[in-house]
Amino acid sequence: MNIHFIPHTNKEGEACFVMEDLLYWKNTEVTIKDLQAANVFSVHHYFINDKYVKPSAPCYAYLFPSGRVKLYQPYNKDGFKWQGNQSKNDISVIGNSDKLIITKSLKDALVISKQLPDWEIWAFASEAVIANVSISDKTVVKYLMDNDKAGLEAS
């Protein structure tokens, strides 16, 4: 699947966040700087296989170093809440520590990092997609997945 997104932009043409984003993230302690550091973008519109889509607001693109993308529309009731072309090797990493938390989404990782800043947090693409990674240099490892069948199996 080919995904290309166009972020919201300011007058200077730089990617920015809009009021809907501030309202969505306000109760999480996650800041705009946190989102920018994690390569999260506020999406104005996107293309999937060259088909134009105007998403429900808010919509976020999680951009991985591989160039792959995961789109998140938290309030989308009519279509897909999540869409992406990420692979199982696309992992988001926040922090650097010998204590590790593994979770299922970048949003979870961002929120957890505010509460546990002295932990390293890895976010896989989803609970169903677990990367083959080495954690041998970590002294403490915790798994934090949802309390449903997929989350329990992933843990």
N, C-alpha and C. Protein backbone atom coordinates (compact mmCIF):
# COMPACT_ATOMS: atom_id res chain seq x y z
N MET A 1 0.84 -1.17 0.00
CA MET A 1 0.00 0.00 0.00
C MET A 1 0.89 1.24 0.00
N ASN A 2 0.60 2.15 -0.88
CA ASN A 2 1.33 3.40 -0.97
C ASN A 2 0.56 4.49 -0.22
N ILE A 3 1.19 5.09 0.80
CA ILE A 3 0.56 6.15 1.57
C ILE A 3 1.41 7.40 1.50
N HIS A 4 0.78 8.50 1.16
CA HIS A 4 1.45 9.80 1.12
C HIS A 4 0.53 10.79 1.84
N PHE A 5 1.06 11.50 2.83
CA PHE A 5 0.22 12.43 3.59
C PHE A 5 0.72 13.86 3.41
N ILE A 6 -0.20 14.80 3.53
CA ILE A 6 0.10 16.23 3.49
C ILE A 6 -0.25 16.78 4.87
N PRO A 7 0.75 17.30 5.60
CA PRO A 7 0.47 17.81 6.95
C PRO A 7 -0.21 19.18 6.90
N HIS A 8 -0.82 19.54 8.03
CA HIS A 8 -1.24 20.92 8.18
C HIS A 8 0.03 21.77 8.14
N THR A 9 -0.07 22.96 7.59
CA THR A 9 1.10 23.84 7.53
C THR A 9 0.73 25.24 8.01
N ASN A 10 1.77 25.93 8.49
CA ASN A 10 1.59 27.32 8.92
C ASN A 10 1.84 28.26 7.73
N LYS A 11 1.84 29.56 7.98
CA LYS A 11 2.03 30.56 6.91
C LYS A 11 3.36 30.40 6.19
N GLU A 12 4.37 29.88 6.91
CA GLU A 12 5.69 29.70 6.33
C GLU A 12 5.80 28.38 5.56
N GLY A 13 4.74 27.61 5.54
CA GLY A 13 4.74 26.33 4.83
C GLY A 13 5.35 25.19 5.63
N GLU A 14 5.56 25.40 6.94
CA GLU A 14 6.13 24.36 7.80
C GLU A 14 5.01 23.53 8.43
N ALA A 15 5.28 22.25 8.63
CA ALA A 15 4.31 21.38 9.28
C ALA A 15 3.97 21.94 10.66
N CYS A 16 2.69 21.90 11.02
CA CYS A 16 2.27 22.42 12.31
C CYS A 16 1.11 21.60 12.85
N PHE A 17 0.70 21.93 14.05
CA PHE A 17 -0.46 21.31 14.68
C PHE A 17 -1.55 22.37 14.79
N VAL A 18 -2.79 21.93 14.76
CA VAL A 18 -3.93 22.85 14.79
C VAL A 18 -4.69 22.69 16.10
N MET A 19 -5.70 23.52 16.30
CA MET A 19 -6.44 23.54 17.55
C MET A 19 -7.02 22.17 17.91
N GLU A 20 -7.53 21.42 16.94
CA GLU A 20 -8.08 20.09 17.22
C GLU A 20 -7.03 19.19 17.86
N ASP A 21 -5.77 19.35 17.44
CA ASP A 21 -4.68 18.55 18.00
C ASP A 21 -4.43 18.92 19.46
N LEU A 22 -4.41 20.20 19.73
CA LEU A 22 -4.18 20.65 21.11
C LEU A 22 -5.28 20.12 22.03
N LEU A 23 -6.52 20.13 21.55
CA LEU A 23 -7.63 19.61 22.35
C LEU A 23 -7.51 18.11 22.56
N TYR A 24 -7.10 17.39 21.52
CA TYR A 24 -6.99 15.94 21.62
C TYR A 24 -5.91 15.53 22.63
N TRP A 25 -4.75 16.17 22.59
CA TRP A 25 -3.61 15.76 23.41
C TRP A 25 -3.58 16.42 24.78
N LYS A 26 -4.44 17.38 25.07
CA LYS A 26 -4.30 18.20 26.28
C LYS A 26 -4.33 17.41 27.58
N ASN A 27 -5.06 16.33 27.68
CA ASN A 27 -5.15 15.58 28.93
C ASN A 27 -4.10 14.48 29.06
N THR A 28 -3.17 14.39 28.14
CA THR A 28 -2.18 13.32 28.15
C THR A 28 -0.82 13.76 28.64
N GLU A 29 -0.60 15.05 28.77
CA GLU A 29 0.70 15.65 29.09
C GLU A 29 1.68 15.58 27.92
N VAL A 30 1.26 15.02 26.79
CA VAL A 30 2.12 14.96 25.60
C VAL A 30 2.09 16.34 24.96
N THR A 31 3.28 16.89 24.70
CA THR A 31 3.39 18.23 24.13
C THR A 31 3.63 18.17 22.62
N ILE A 32 3.50 19.31 22.00
CA ILE A 32 3.80 19.42 20.57
C ILE A 32 5.26 19.04 20.33
N LYS A 33 6.16 19.45 21.21
CA LYS A 33 7.57 19.07 21.07
C LYS A 33 7.75 17.55 21.14
N ASP A 34 7.01 16.88 22.03
CA ASP A 34 7.06 15.42 22.11
C ASP A 34 6.62 14.80 20.79
N LEU A 35 5.54 15.31 20.23
CA LEU A 35 5.02 14.78 18.96
C LEU A 35 6.04 15.00 17.84
N GLN A 36 6.60 16.19 17.79
CA GLN A 36 7.60 16.48 16.75
C GLN A 36 8.81 15.59 16.89
N ALA A 37 9.29 15.38 18.12
CA ALA A 37 10.46 14.52 18.35
C ALA A 37 10.19 13.08 17.94
N ALA A 38 8.93 12.66 18.01
CA ALA A 38 8.56 11.28 17.65
C ALA A 38 8.14 11.16 16.18
N ASN A 39 8.33 12.21 15.39
CA ASN A 39 7.95 12.23 13.97
C ASN A 39 6.45 11.98 13.78
N VAL A 40 5.64 12.68 14.58
CA VAL A 40 4.20 12.65 14.44
C VAL A 40 3.77 13.94 13.75
N PHE A 41 2.89 13.81 12.76
CA PHE A 41 2.42 14.96 12.00
C PHE A 41 0.90 15.04 12.06
N SER A 42 0.39 16.26 12.10
CA SER A 42 -1.05 16.50 11.99
C SER A 42 -1.38 16.49 10.50
N VAL A 43 -2.33 15.65 10.10
CA VAL A 43 -2.60 15.42 8.68
C VAL A 43 -3.78 16.26 8.19
N HIS A 44 -3.54 17.00 7.12
CA HIS A 44 -4.60 17.75 6.45
C HIS A 44 -5.37 16.82 5.50
N HIS A 45 -4.63 16.08 4.69
CA HIS A 45 -5.21 15.07 3.82
C HIS A 45 -4.13 14.07 3.45
N TYR A 46 -4.56 12.96 2.86
CA TYR A 46 -3.59 11.94 2.47
C TYR A 46 -4.07 11.22 1.22
N PHE A 47 -3.15 10.44 0.66
CA PHE A 47 -3.44 9.63 -0.51
C PHE A 47 -3.08 8.18 -0.18
N ILE A 48 -3.98 7.28 -0.51
CA ILE A 48 -3.69 5.85 -0.42
C ILE A 48 -3.79 5.30 -1.84
N ASN A 49 -2.65 4.79 -2.32
CA ASN A 49 -2.57 4.31 -3.70
C ASN A 49 -3.12 5.36 -4.66
N ASP A 50 -2.67 6.61 -4.45
CA ASP A 50 -3.03 7.77 -5.28
C ASP A 50 -4.49 8.22 -5.17
N LYS A 51 -5.27 7.65 -4.25
CA LYS A 51 -6.64 8.09 -4.04
C LYS A 51 -6.68 9.11 -2.90
N TYR A 52 -7.22 10.30 -3.19
CA TYR A 52 -7.30 11.39 -2.22
C TYR A 52 -8.27 11.04 -1.10
N VAL A 53 -7.87 11.32 0.16
CA VAL A 53 -8.73 11.12 1.31
C VAL A 53 -8.64 12.36 2.20
N LYS A 54 -9.78 12.94 2.52
CA LYS A 54 -9.86 14.01 3.51
C LYS A 54 -10.30 13.34 4.81
N PRO A 55 -9.39 13.22 5.78
CA PRO A 55 -9.68 12.44 6.99
C PRO A 55 -10.59 13.17 7.96
N SER A 56 -11.15 12.38 8.88
CA SER A 56 -11.85 12.99 10.01
C SER A 56 -10.79 13.66 10.88
N ALA A 57 -11.20 14.69 11.61
CA ALA A 57 -10.24 15.40 12.43
C ALA A 57 -10.37 14.94 13.87
N PRO A 58 -9.29 14.82 14.57
CA PRO A 58 -7.91 14.97 14.12
C PRO A 58 -7.42 13.69 13.42
N CYS A 59 -6.33 13.85 12.70
CA CYS A 59 -5.68 12.72 12.04
C CYS A 59 -4.17 12.91 12.16
N TYR A 60 -3.48 11.84 12.50
CA TYR A 60 -2.04 11.90 12.71
C TYR A 60 -1.32 10.89 11.84
N ALA A 61 -0.15 11.28 11.39
CA ALA A 61 0.73 10.36 10.66
C ALA A 61 1.95 10.11 11.53
N TYR A 62 2.20 8.84 11.81
CA TYR A 62 3.42 8.43 12.51
C TYR A 62 4.40 8.03 11.43
N LEU A 63 5.46 8.79 11.29
CA LEU A 63 6.44 8.54 10.24
C LEU A 63 7.63 7.78 10.82
N PHE A 64 7.90 6.61 10.26
CA PHE A 64 9.00 5.76 10.73
C PHE A 64 10.27 6.08 9.94
N PRO A 65 11.45 5.79 10.52
CA PRO A 65 12.71 6.04 9.80
C PRO A 65 12.77 5.35 8.44
N SER A 66 12.04 4.25 8.27
CA SER A 66 12.01 3.53 7.00
C SER A 66 11.26 4.31 5.92
N GLY A 67 10.53 5.37 6.31
CA GLY A 67 9.69 6.10 5.38
C GLY A 67 8.25 5.60 5.36
N ARG A 68 8.00 4.50 6.05
CA ARG A 68 6.64 3.97 6.14
C ARG A 68 5.81 4.83 7.10
N VAL A 69 4.50 4.70 6.99
CA VAL A 69 3.59 5.58 7.71
C VAL A 69 2.47 4.77 8.36
N LYS A 70 2.07 5.21 9.55
CA LYS A 70 0.86 4.71 10.19
C LYS A 70 -0.03 5.92 10.45
N LEU A 71 -1.25 5.88 9.92
CA LEU A 71 -2.21 6.96 10.11
C LEU A 71 -3.16 6.60 11.25
N TYR A 72 -3.47 7.58 12.08
CA TYR A 72 -4.35 7.38 13.23
C TYR A 72 -5.42 8.46 13.22
N GLN A 73 -6.69 8.04 13.17
CA GLN A 73 -7.83 8.95 13.24
C GLN A 73 -8.67 8.54 14.45
N PRO A 74 -8.40 9.10 15.62
CA PRO A 74 -9.01 8.61 16.85
C PRO A 74 -10.54 8.66 16.89
N TYR A 75 -11.16 9.58 16.16
CA TYR A 75 -12.62 9.71 16.23
C TYR A 75 -13.32 9.19 14.98
N ASN A 76 -12.61 8.53 14.09
CA ASN A 76 -13.20 8.06 12.85
C ASN A 76 -14.19 6.92 13.13
N LYS A 77 -15.43 7.16 12.81
CA LYS A 77 -16.48 6.14 13.02
C LYS A 77 -16.91 5.52 11.69
N ASP A 78 -16.57 6.16 10.56
CA ASP A 78 -17.06 5.72 9.25
C ASP A 78 -16.08 4.86 8.47
N GLY A 79 -14.86 4.84 8.88
CA GLY A 79 -13.87 4.11 8.11
C GLY A 79 -12.83 3.49 9.01
N PHE A 80 -11.60 3.62 8.62
CA PHE A 80 -10.51 3.02 9.36
C PHE A 80 -9.97 4.00 10.39
N LYS A 81 -9.87 3.55 11.62
CA LYS A 81 -9.23 4.36 12.67
C LYS A 81 -7.72 4.34 12.46
N TRP A 82 -7.20 3.19 12.05
CA TRP A 82 -5.77 3.01 11.78
C TRP A 82 -5.59 2.55 10.34
N GLN A 83 -4.63 3.10 9.66
CA GLN A 83 -4.23 2.63 8.33
C GLN A 83 -2.72 2.78 8.26
N GLY A 84 -2.06 1.87 7.62
CA GLY A 84 -0.62 2.02 7.53
C GLY A 84 0.02 1.03 6.58
N ASN A 85 1.26 1.32 6.29
CA ASN A 85 2.06 0.41 5.46
C ASN A 85 3.34 0.03 6.19
N GLN A 86 3.34 0.19 7.52
CA GLN A 86 4.51 -0.13 8.31
C GLN A 86 4.73 -1.64 8.34
N SER A 87 5.97 -2.02 8.58
CA SER A 87 6.29 -3.44 8.68
C SER A 87 6.53 -3.80 10.14
N LYS A 88 6.73 -5.08 10.40
CA LYS A 88 6.96 -5.50 11.78
C LYS A 88 8.28 -4.96 12.32
N ASN A 89 9.16 -4.50 11.46
CA ASN A 89 10.44 -3.96 11.90
C ASN A 89 10.39 -2.46 12.17
N ASP A 90 9.25 -1.83 11.96
CA ASP A 90 9.10 -0.41 12.25
C ASP A 90 8.72 -0.24 13.71
N ILE A 91 9.70 0.14 14.51
CA ILE A 91 9.54 0.28 15.95
C ILE A 91 9.82 1.73 16.33
N SER A 92 8.96 2.30 17.14
CA SER A 92 9.21 3.63 17.69
C SER A 92 9.91 3.46 19.03
N VAL A 93 10.97 4.22 19.25
CA VAL A 93 11.73 4.13 20.50
C VAL A 93 11.78 5.50 21.14
N ILE A 94 11.42 5.54 22.43
CA ILE A 94 11.50 6.77 23.21
C ILE A 94 12.40 6.50 24.40
N GLY A 95 13.38 7.35 24.60
CA GLY A 95 14.27 7.22 25.75
C GLY A 95 15.40 6.24 25.52
N ASN A 96 16.24 6.13 26.55
CA ASN A 96 17.39 5.22 26.51
C ASN A 96 17.68 4.80 27.94
N SER A 97 17.45 3.53 28.23
CA SER A 97 17.60 3.04 29.59
C SER A 97 17.82 1.54 29.57
N ASP A 98 18.27 0.99 30.69
CA ASP A 98 18.35 -0.47 30.79
C ASP A 98 17.02 -1.05 31.28
N LYS A 99 16.05 -0.18 31.58
CA LYS A 99 14.70 -0.60 31.93
C LYS A 99 13.82 -0.35 30.71
N LEU A 100 13.10 -1.37 30.28
CA LEU A 100 12.37 -1.31 29.01
C LEU A 100 10.89 -1.64 29.20
N ILE A 101 10.04 -0.83 28.58
CA ILE A 101 8.62 -1.13 28.46
C ILE A 101 8.34 -1.32 26.98
N ILE A 102 7.65 -2.41 26.66
CA ILE A 102 7.23 -2.66 25.28
C ILE A 102 5.72 -2.50 25.24
N THR A 103 5.25 -1.68 24.31
CA THR A 103 3.82 -1.44 24.18
C THR A 103 3.42 -1.52 22.71
N LYS A 104 2.17 -1.30 22.43
CA LYS A 104 1.64 -1.57 21.10
C LYS A 104 1.45 -0.35 20.22
N SER A 105 1.63 0.84 20.74
CA SER A 105 1.40 2.00 19.88
C SER A 105 2.25 3.17 20.32
N LEU A 106 2.55 4.03 19.37
CA LEU A 106 3.33 5.22 19.67
C LEU A 106 2.57 6.14 20.61
N LYS A 107 1.26 6.23 20.46
CA LYS A 107 0.48 7.07 21.38
C LYS A 107 0.68 6.58 22.81
N ASP A 108 0.56 5.27 23.03
CA ASP A 108 0.78 4.72 24.37
C ASP A 108 2.18 5.05 24.87
N ALA A 109 3.17 4.90 23.99
CA ALA A 109 4.55 5.16 24.38
C ALA A 109 4.74 6.62 24.79
N LEU A 110 4.15 7.54 24.05
CA LEU A 110 4.28 8.96 24.37
C LEU A 110 3.66 9.27 25.73
N VAL A 111 2.49 8.71 26.00
CA VAL A 111 1.82 8.96 27.28
C VAL A 111 2.61 8.32 28.43
N ILE A 112 3.07 7.10 28.24
CA ILE A 112 3.84 6.41 29.28
C ILE A 112 5.14 7.16 29.59
N SER A 113 5.77 7.70 28.55
CA SER A 113 7.05 8.39 28.76
C SER A 113 6.91 9.60 29.66
N LYS A 114 5.74 10.19 29.73
CA LYS A 114 5.52 11.33 30.63
C LYS A 114 5.46 10.88 32.09
N GLN A 115 4.98 9.66 32.32
CA GLN A 115 4.85 9.13 33.67
C GLN A 115 6.12 8.41 34.13
N LEU A 116 6.84 7.81 33.19
CA LEU A 116 8.04 7.03 33.50
C LEU A 116 9.21 7.50 32.63
N PRO A 117 9.70 8.70 32.87
CA PRO A 117 10.73 9.26 32.00
C PRO A 117 12.09 8.55 32.07
N ASP A 118 12.30 7.73 33.09
CA ASP A 118 13.59 7.04 33.23
C ASP A 118 13.55 5.64 32.62
N TRP A 119 12.52 5.33 31.85
CA TRP A 119 12.41 4.06 31.15
C TRP A 119 12.57 4.28 29.65
N GLU A 120 13.08 3.27 28.96
CA GLU A 120 13.06 3.24 27.50
C GLU A 120 11.75 2.58 27.09
N ILE A 121 11.11 3.11 26.07
CA ILE A 121 9.82 2.57 25.65
C ILE A 121 9.86 2.26 24.16
N TRP A 122 9.48 1.03 23.84
CA TRP A 122 9.38 0.61 22.44
C TRP A 122 7.91 0.44 22.10
N ALA A 123 7.53 0.97 20.97
CA ALA A 123 6.16 0.79 20.47
C ALA A 123 6.22 0.04 19.15
N PHE A 124 5.63 -1.14 19.15
CA PHE A 124 5.53 -1.91 17.92
C PHE A 124 4.36 -1.39 17.08
N ALA A 125 4.25 -1.90 15.87
CA ALA A 125 3.19 -1.45 14.96
C ALA A 125 1.80 -1.75 15.53
N SER A 126 1.66 -2.88 16.21
CA SER A 126 0.40 -3.24 16.85
C SER A 126 0.66 -4.47 17.71
N GLU A 127 -0.36 -4.91 18.42
CA GLU A 127 -0.21 -6.11 19.23
C GLU A 127 -0.04 -7.35 18.37
N ALA A 128 -0.54 -7.30 17.16
CA ALA A 128 -0.47 -8.46 16.28
C ALA A 128 0.85 -8.53 15.52
N VAL A 129 1.66 -7.49 15.59
CA VAL A 129 2.90 -7.43 14.83
C VAL A 129 4.06 -7.19 15.80
N ILE A 130 4.71 -8.25 16.20
CA ILE A 130 5.81 -8.17 17.16
C ILE A 130 7.13 -8.36 16.42
N ALA A 131 7.99 -7.38 16.53
CA ALA A 131 9.28 -7.43 15.84
C ALA A 131 10.21 -8.45 16.50
N ASN A 132 11.12 -8.95 15.72
CA ASN A 132 12.15 -9.86 16.22
C ASN A 132 13.35 -9.00 16.62
N VAL A 133 13.41 -8.65 17.91
CA VAL A 133 14.46 -7.76 18.41
C VAL A 133 15.15 -8.38 19.61
N SER A 134 16.35 -7.92 19.87
CA SER A 134 17.11 -8.40 21.02
C SER A 134 16.94 -7.43 22.18
N ILE A 135 16.63 -7.98 23.36
CA ILE A 135 16.50 -7.15 24.55
C ILE A 135 17.48 -7.59 25.63
N SER A 136 18.56 -8.24 25.21
CA SER A 136 19.50 -8.83 26.16
C SER A 136 20.25 -7.82 27.01
N ASP A 137 20.32 -6.56 26.57
CA ASP A 137 21.05 -5.57 27.37
C ASP A 137 20.14 -4.83 28.36
N LYS A 138 18.91 -5.28 28.50
CA LYS A 138 17.95 -4.64 29.42
C LYS A 138 17.87 -5.45 30.72
N THR A 139 17.85 -4.75 31.85
CA THR A 139 17.79 -5.45 33.13
C THR A 139 16.35 -5.69 33.58
N VAL A 140 15.44 -4.82 33.17
CA VAL A 140 14.03 -4.97 33.52
C VAL A 140 13.23 -4.80 32.24
N VAL A 141 12.34 -5.73 31.97
CA VAL A 141 11.49 -5.64 30.78
C VAL A 141 10.04 -5.84 31.20
N LYS A 142 9.19 -4.91 30.81
CA LYS A 142 7.75 -4.98 31.08
C LYS A 142 7.00 -4.88 29.76
N TYR A 143 5.94 -5.64 29.64
CA TYR A 143 5.08 -5.58 28.47
C TYR A 143 3.77 -4.93 28.88
N LEU A 144 3.33 -3.96 28.11
CA LEU A 144 2.09 -3.27 28.41
C LEU A 144 1.23 -3.27 27.16
N MET A 145 0.32 -4.21 27.12
CA MET A 145 -0.60 -4.34 25.98
C MET A 145 -2.02 -4.18 26.50
N ASP A 146 -2.97 -4.06 25.59
CA ASP A 146 -4.38 -3.96 26.00
C ASP A 146 -4.84 -5.27 26.64
N ASN A 147 -5.87 -5.15 27.46
CA ASN A 147 -6.43 -6.31 28.15
C ASN A 147 -7.53 -6.95 27.30
N ASP A 148 -7.13 -7.40 26.12
CA ASP A 148 -8.04 -8.13 25.25
C ASP A 148 -7.28 -9.33 24.71
N LYS A 149 -7.91 -10.13 23.88
CA LYS A 149 -7.27 -11.36 23.40
C LYS A 149 -5.95 -11.08 22.69
N ALA A 150 -5.93 -10.09 21.79
CA ALA A 150 -4.69 -9.77 21.06
C ALA A 150 -3.61 -9.29 22.01
N GLY A 151 -3.98 -8.46 22.97
CA GLY A 151 -3.00 -7.95 23.93
C GLY A 151 -2.43 -9.03 24.83
N LEU A 152 -3.28 -9.91 25.28
CA LEU A 152 -2.82 -11.00 26.15
C LEU A 152 -1.90 -11.95 25.39
N GLU A 153 -2.25 -12.26 24.13
CA GLU A 153 -1.39 -13.12 23.33
C GLU A 153 -0.05 -12.46 23.05
N ALA A 154 -0.05 -11.16 22.78
CA ALA A 154 1.21 -10.45 22.50
C ALA A 154 2.09 -10.40 23.73
N SER A 155 1.48 -10.21 24.90
CA SER A 155 2.26 -10.16 26.14
C SER A 155 2.92 -11.49 26.42
